[in-house]
Structure formats: structure tokens, C-alpha cells
Amino acid sequence: MSVLGIDLNFAYTAAVHALITIGMMIPAAPAHIGSYHAIAIYALSIFAIPADQSIAFALISHLNLMVFGVAFGLISLVFVRLPSLPKKS
């Protein structure tokens, strides 16, 4: 977060991530597009972080989560072999 100029101590950072995680429990669009960003911006606004830095954090952190999630999903799809379903006759 310090790369974006957001200087929060460990406890505040943990609180921001906890609020984002709790907010992600709300049913939303696929990949939580929009709701993730709104929750992240709201969580950072509690600690008086300006909107432009909050938006940058929300976009970068969501992109990071999605890229790694898709990458590891594709890797596991290639290397993990699931048993085939039985054929119906």
C-alpha cells in the first residue's frame, strides 16, 4: 500500500482487508466487479485515505487477485486430472 502513498500500520491494513473480505460475502456480479471496488474505497475512507488513492488501490488489488486466481486455476487445470464421468449407455 505504501507504493500508492497509503501509509497505514499493520492493524489498520488488517482492518481494511477484513472489511473487504466481509463485504465480499454479499452476493454480487461475477468476479465481484464493482462491489469489490466500492467496498475497498469505503474501507479506506474510514481511515481518511483520499478517493484517488483508494480507487488506485481497489483497481490494482483486484487485478492482482484476479490475475493470480486465473493463473493458478489454469495451472491446476493442466496438472490435476479429475476422474472422467461414467458414460451413459
C-alpha atoms as a PDB file:
ATOM      1  CA  MET A   1       0.000   0.000   0.000  1.00  0.00           C
ATOM      2  CA  SER A   2       2.945   2.310   0.538  1.00  0.00           C
ATOM      3  CA  VAL A   3       3.645   2.319  -3.210  1.00  0.00           C
ATOM      4  CA  LEU A   4       0.380   4.208  -3.677  1.00  0.00           C
ATOM      5  CA  GLY A   5       1.212   6.639  -0.890  1.00  0.00           C
ATOM      6  CA  ILE A   6      -1.104   4.922   1.581  1.00  0.00           C
ATOM      7  CA  ASP A   7       0.701   4.713   4.894  1.00  0.00           C
ATOM      8  CA  LEU A   8      -1.265   2.559   7.316  1.00  0.00           C
ATOM      9  CA  ASN A   9       0.148   0.479  10.117  1.00  0.00           C
ATOM     10  CA  PHE A  10      -0.353  -3.274  10.253  1.00  0.00           C
ATOM     11  CA  ALA A  11      -3.532  -3.131  12.364  1.00  0.00           C
ATOM     12  CA  TYR A  12      -5.253  -0.663  10.018  1.00  0.00           C
ATOM     13  CA  THR A  13      -4.178  -2.649   6.968  1.00  0.00           C
ATOM     14  CA  ALA A  14      -5.585  -5.819   8.528  1.00  0.00           C
ATOM     15  CA  ALA A  15      -8.822  -3.964   9.293  1.00  0.00           C
ATOM     16  CA  VAL A  16      -9.113  -2.786   5.673  1.00  0.00           C
ATOM     17  CA  HIS A  17      -8.610  -6.321   4.366  1.00  0.00           C
ATOM     18  CA  ALA A  18     -11.062  -7.707   6.935  1.00  0.00           C
ATOM     19  CA  LEU A  19     -13.712  -5.201   5.839  1.00  0.00           C
ATOM     20  CA  ILE A  20     -13.117  -6.075   2.193  1.00  0.00           C
ATOM     21  CA  THR A  21     -13.413  -9.792   2.987  1.00  0.00           C
ATOM     22  CA  ILE A  22     -16.646  -9.292   4.918  1.00  0.00           C
ATOM     23  CA  GLY A  23     -18.011  -7.153   2.101  1.00  0.00           C
ATOM     24  CA  MET A  24     -17.192  -9.847  -0.434  1.00  0.00           C
ATOM     25  CA  MET A  25     -19.688 -12.141   1.291  1.00  0.00           C
ATOM     26  CA  ILE A  26     -22.501 -10.091  -0.228  1.00  0.00           C
ATOM     27  CA  PRO A  27     -23.761 -11.715  -3.437  1.00  0.00           C
ATOM     28  CA  ALA A  28     -22.573  -9.701  -6.409  1.00  0.00           C
ATOM     29  CA  ALA A  29     -21.702  -9.750 -10.091  1.00  0.00           C
ATOM     30  CA  PRO A  30     -19.235 -12.324 -11.377  1.00  0.00           C
ATOM     31  CA  ALA A  31     -15.716 -11.673 -10.052  1.00  0.00           C
ATOM     32  CA  HIS A  32     -17.228  -9.043  -7.720  1.00  0.00           C
ATOM     33  CA  ILE A  33     -16.630  -6.336 -10.313  1.00  0.00           C
ATOM     34  CA  GLY A  34     -17.846  -3.072  -8.860  1.00  0.00           C
ATOM     35  CA  SER A  35     -18.731  -4.304  -5.397  1.00  0.00           C
ATOM     36  CA  TYR A  36     -15.089  -5.091  -4.563  1.00  0.00           C
ATOM     37  CA  HIS A  37     -14.065  -1.599  -5.582  1.00  0.00           C
ATOM     38  CA  ALA A  38     -16.859   0.107  -3.656  1.00  0.00           C
ATOM     39  CA  ILE A  39     -16.072  -1.885  -0.515  1.00  0.00           C
ATOM     40  CA  ALA A  40     -12.334  -1.179  -0.787  1.00  0.00           C
ATOM     41  CA  ILE A  41     -12.911   2.550  -1.306  1.00  0.00           C
ATOM     42  CA  TYR A  42     -15.316   2.663   1.646  1.00  0.00           C
ATOM     43  CA  ALA A  43     -12.910   0.722   3.897  1.00  0.00           C
ATOM     44  CA  LEU A  44     -10.062   3.103   3.087  1.00  0.00           C
ATOM     45  CA  SER A  45     -12.266   6.168   3.535  1.00  0.00           C
ATOM     46  CA  ILE A  46     -12.766   5.140   7.165  1.00  0.00           C
ATOM     47  CA  PHE A  47      -9.060   5.841   7.664  1.00  0.00           C
ATOM     48  CA  ALA A  48      -9.217   9.177   5.775  1.00  0.00           C
ATOM     49  CA  ILE A  49      -7.451   7.938   2.640  1.00  0.00           C
ATOM     50  CA  PRO A  50      -8.225  10.207  -0.360  1.00  0.00           C
ATOM     51  CA  ALA A  51     -10.524   8.855  -3.063  1.00  0.00           C
ATOM     52  CA  ASP A  52      -7.902   8.812  -5.829  1.00  0.00           C
ATOM     53  CA  GLN A  53      -5.548   6.639  -3.784  1.00  0.00           C
ATOM     54  CA  SER A  54      -8.444   4.407  -2.710  1.00  0.00           C
ATOM     55  CA  ILE A  55      -9.542   3.887  -6.306  1.00  0.00           C
ATOM     56  CA  ALA A  56      -5.979   3.059  -7.377  1.00  0.00           C
ATOM     57  CA  PHE A  57      -5.661   0.551  -4.524  1.00  0.00           C
ATOM     58  CA  ALA A  58      -9.008  -1.052  -5.372  1.00  0.00           C
ATOM     59  CA  LEU A  59      -8.165  -1.466  -9.052  1.00  0.00           C
ATOM     60  CA  ILE A  60      -4.628  -2.764  -8.520  1.00  0.00           C
ATOM     61  CA  SER A  61      -5.511  -5.158  -5.702  1.00  0.00           C
ATOM     62  CA  HIS A  62      -8.498  -6.574  -7.596  1.00  0.00           C
ATOM     63  CA  LEU A  63      -6.403  -7.021 -10.732  1.00  0.00           C
ATOM     64  CA  ASN A  64      -3.750  -8.764  -8.646  1.00  0.00           C
ATOM     65  CA  LEU A  65      -6.304 -11.135  -7.123  1.00  0.00           C
ATOM     66  CA  MET A  66      -7.880 -11.934 -10.480  1.00  0.00           C
ATOM     67  CA  VAL A  67      -4.628 -12.500 -12.382  1.00  0.00           C
ATOM     68  CA  PHE A  68      -3.195 -14.856  -9.782  1.00  0.00           C
ATOM     69  CA  GLY A  69      -6.524 -16.639  -9.314  1.00  0.00           C
ATOM     70  CA  VAL A  70      -6.922 -17.285 -13.035  1.00  0.00           C
ATOM     71  CA  ALA A  71      -3.255 -18.216 -13.480  1.00  0.00           C
ATOM     72  CA  PHE A  72      -3.262 -20.768 -10.665  1.00  0.00           C
ATOM     73  CA  GLY A  73      -6.631 -22.061 -11.838  1.00  0.00           C
ATOM     74  CA  LEU A  74      -5.274 -22.693 -15.321  1.00  0.00           C
ATOM     75  CA  ILE A  75      -2.135 -24.324 -13.937  1.00  0.00           C
ATOM     76  CA  SER A  76      -4.191 -26.652 -11.764  1.00  0.00           C
ATOM     77  CA  LEU A  77      -6.493 -27.406 -14.688  1.00  0.00           C
ATOM     78  CA  VAL A  78      -3.498 -28.631 -16.664  1.00  0.00           C
ATOM     79  CA  PHE A  79      -1.827 -30.634 -13.903  1.00  0.00           C
ATOM     80  CA  VAL A  80      -4.744 -32.009 -11.879  1.00  0.00           C
ATOM     81  CA  ARG A  81      -6.538 -34.818 -13.620  1.00  0.00           C
ATOM     82  CA  LEU A  82     -10.077 -35.376 -12.428  1.00  0.00           C
ATOM     83  CA  PRO A  83     -11.699 -38.748 -12.961  1.00  0.00           C
ATOM     84  CA  SER A  84     -13.895 -38.920 -16.035  1.00  0.00           C
ATOM     85  CA  LEU A  85     -17.629 -39.157 -15.636  1.00  0.00           C
ATOM     86  CA  PRO A  86     -19.078 -42.572 -16.481  1.00  0.00           C
ATOM     87  CA  LYS A  87     -20.581 -42.758 -19.970  1.00  0.00           C
ATOM     88  CA  LYS A  88     -24.304 -43.263 -20.193  1.00  0.00           C
ATOM     89  CA  SER A  89     -25.412 -46.078 -22.384  1.00  0.00           C
END
